[in-house]
Amino acid sequence: MTLTSNVPTSTETRKYLRPDELATRWGVAIKTLAKWRCDASGPLYIKLSNGIVRYPLAEVEAFEVAAAQGMMR
């Protein structure tokens, strides 16, 4: 029996980005995102109990708008 997933794979339809996806989107290294998480200078993120990090797409987009307007937190 083969199971198929109905989970969208496009970043436009998903609600969370993996660090590698965000790094690609912004053209930065994954380690840069990790440093920003430590410095609390990047976009808001969630860390699951197993240590997996996800960036809510809405937070990423809000961060991009704030950066474009010079309103970084």
Protein backbone atom coordinates (compact mmCIF):
# COMPACT_ATOMS: atom_id res chain seq x y z
CA MET A 1 0.00 0.00 0.00
CA THR A 2 1.37 3.40 -0.97
CA LEU A 3 0.40 6.48 1.00
CA THR A 4 0.32 9.86 -0.64
CA SER A 5 0.61 13.10 1.21
CA ASN A 6 -1.79 16.00 0.78
CA VAL A 7 0.67 18.36 2.44
CA PRO A 8 1.64 21.19 0.10
CA THR A 9 5.34 21.39 -0.71
CA SER A 10 5.48 24.86 -2.28
CA THR A 11 6.75 27.57 0.08
CA GLU A 12 3.93 29.77 -1.21
CA THR A 13 1.28 27.42 0.20
CA ARG A 14 3.05 26.22 3.35
CA LYS A 15 2.82 28.19 6.57
CA TYR A 16 6.36 27.50 7.83
CA LEU A 17 9.83 27.61 6.33
CA ARG A 18 12.77 25.40 7.25
CA PRO A 19 16.06 27.20 7.94
CA ASP A 20 17.52 25.99 4.62
CA GLU A 21 14.52 27.40 2.74
CA LEU A 22 14.81 30.78 4.46
CA ALA A 23 18.57 30.85 3.90
CA THR A 24 17.98 30.26 0.19
CA ARG A 25 15.22 32.87 0.06
CA TRP A 26 17.48 35.52 1.61
CA GLY A 27 20.81 34.37 0.16
CA VAL A 28 22.43 33.87 3.56
CA ALA A 29 24.10 30.90 5.21
CA ILE A 30 22.12 28.63 7.52
CA LYS A 31 24.72 29.46 10.20
CA THR A 32 23.81 33.13 9.83
CA LEU A 33 20.20 32.30 10.69
CA ALA A 34 21.40 30.34 13.72
CA LYS A 35 23.47 33.32 14.88
CA TRP A 36 20.49 35.63 14.42
CA ARG A 37 18.38 33.27 16.54
CA CYS A 38 21.01 33.44 19.30
CA ASP A 39 21.21 37.23 19.01
CA ALA A 40 17.40 37.59 18.75
CA SER A 41 17.99 39.78 15.69
CA GLY A 42 16.23 37.78 12.99
CA PRO A 43 12.60 36.91 12.37
CA LEU A 44 10.55 35.17 15.01
CA TYR A 45 10.77 31.39 14.90
CA ILE A 46 9.46 28.35 16.70
CA LYS A 47 11.59 25.58 18.10
CA LEU A 48 9.89 22.22 18.45
CA SER A 49 10.59 19.89 21.35
CA ASN A 50 12.94 17.82 19.18
CA GLY A 51 15.07 20.89 18.37
CA ILE A 52 13.66 21.46 14.89
CA VAL A 53 13.39 25.14 13.97
CA ARG A 54 10.63 26.55 11.77
CA TYR A 55 9.98 30.11 10.64
CA PRO A 56 6.32 31.09 10.29
CA LEU A 57 5.93 32.49 6.79
CA ALA A 58 3.82 35.38 8.09
CA GLU A 59 6.66 36.38 10.46
CA VAL A 60 9.23 36.13 7.66
CA GLU A 61 7.11 38.35 5.42
CA ALA A 62 6.52 40.87 8.24
CA PHE A 63 10.28 40.94 8.92
CA GLU A 64 10.96 41.57 5.22
CA VAL A 65 8.49 44.47 5.16
CA ALA A 66 9.97 45.97 8.34
CA ALA A 67 13.49 45.64 6.92
CA ALA A 68 12.44 47.30 3.67
CA GLN A 69 10.95 50.18 5.64
CA GLY A 70 13.96 50.48 7.95
CA MET A 71 11.93 49.39 10.98
CA MET A 72 14.02 46.48 12.25
CA ARG A 73 13.36 45.36 15.81
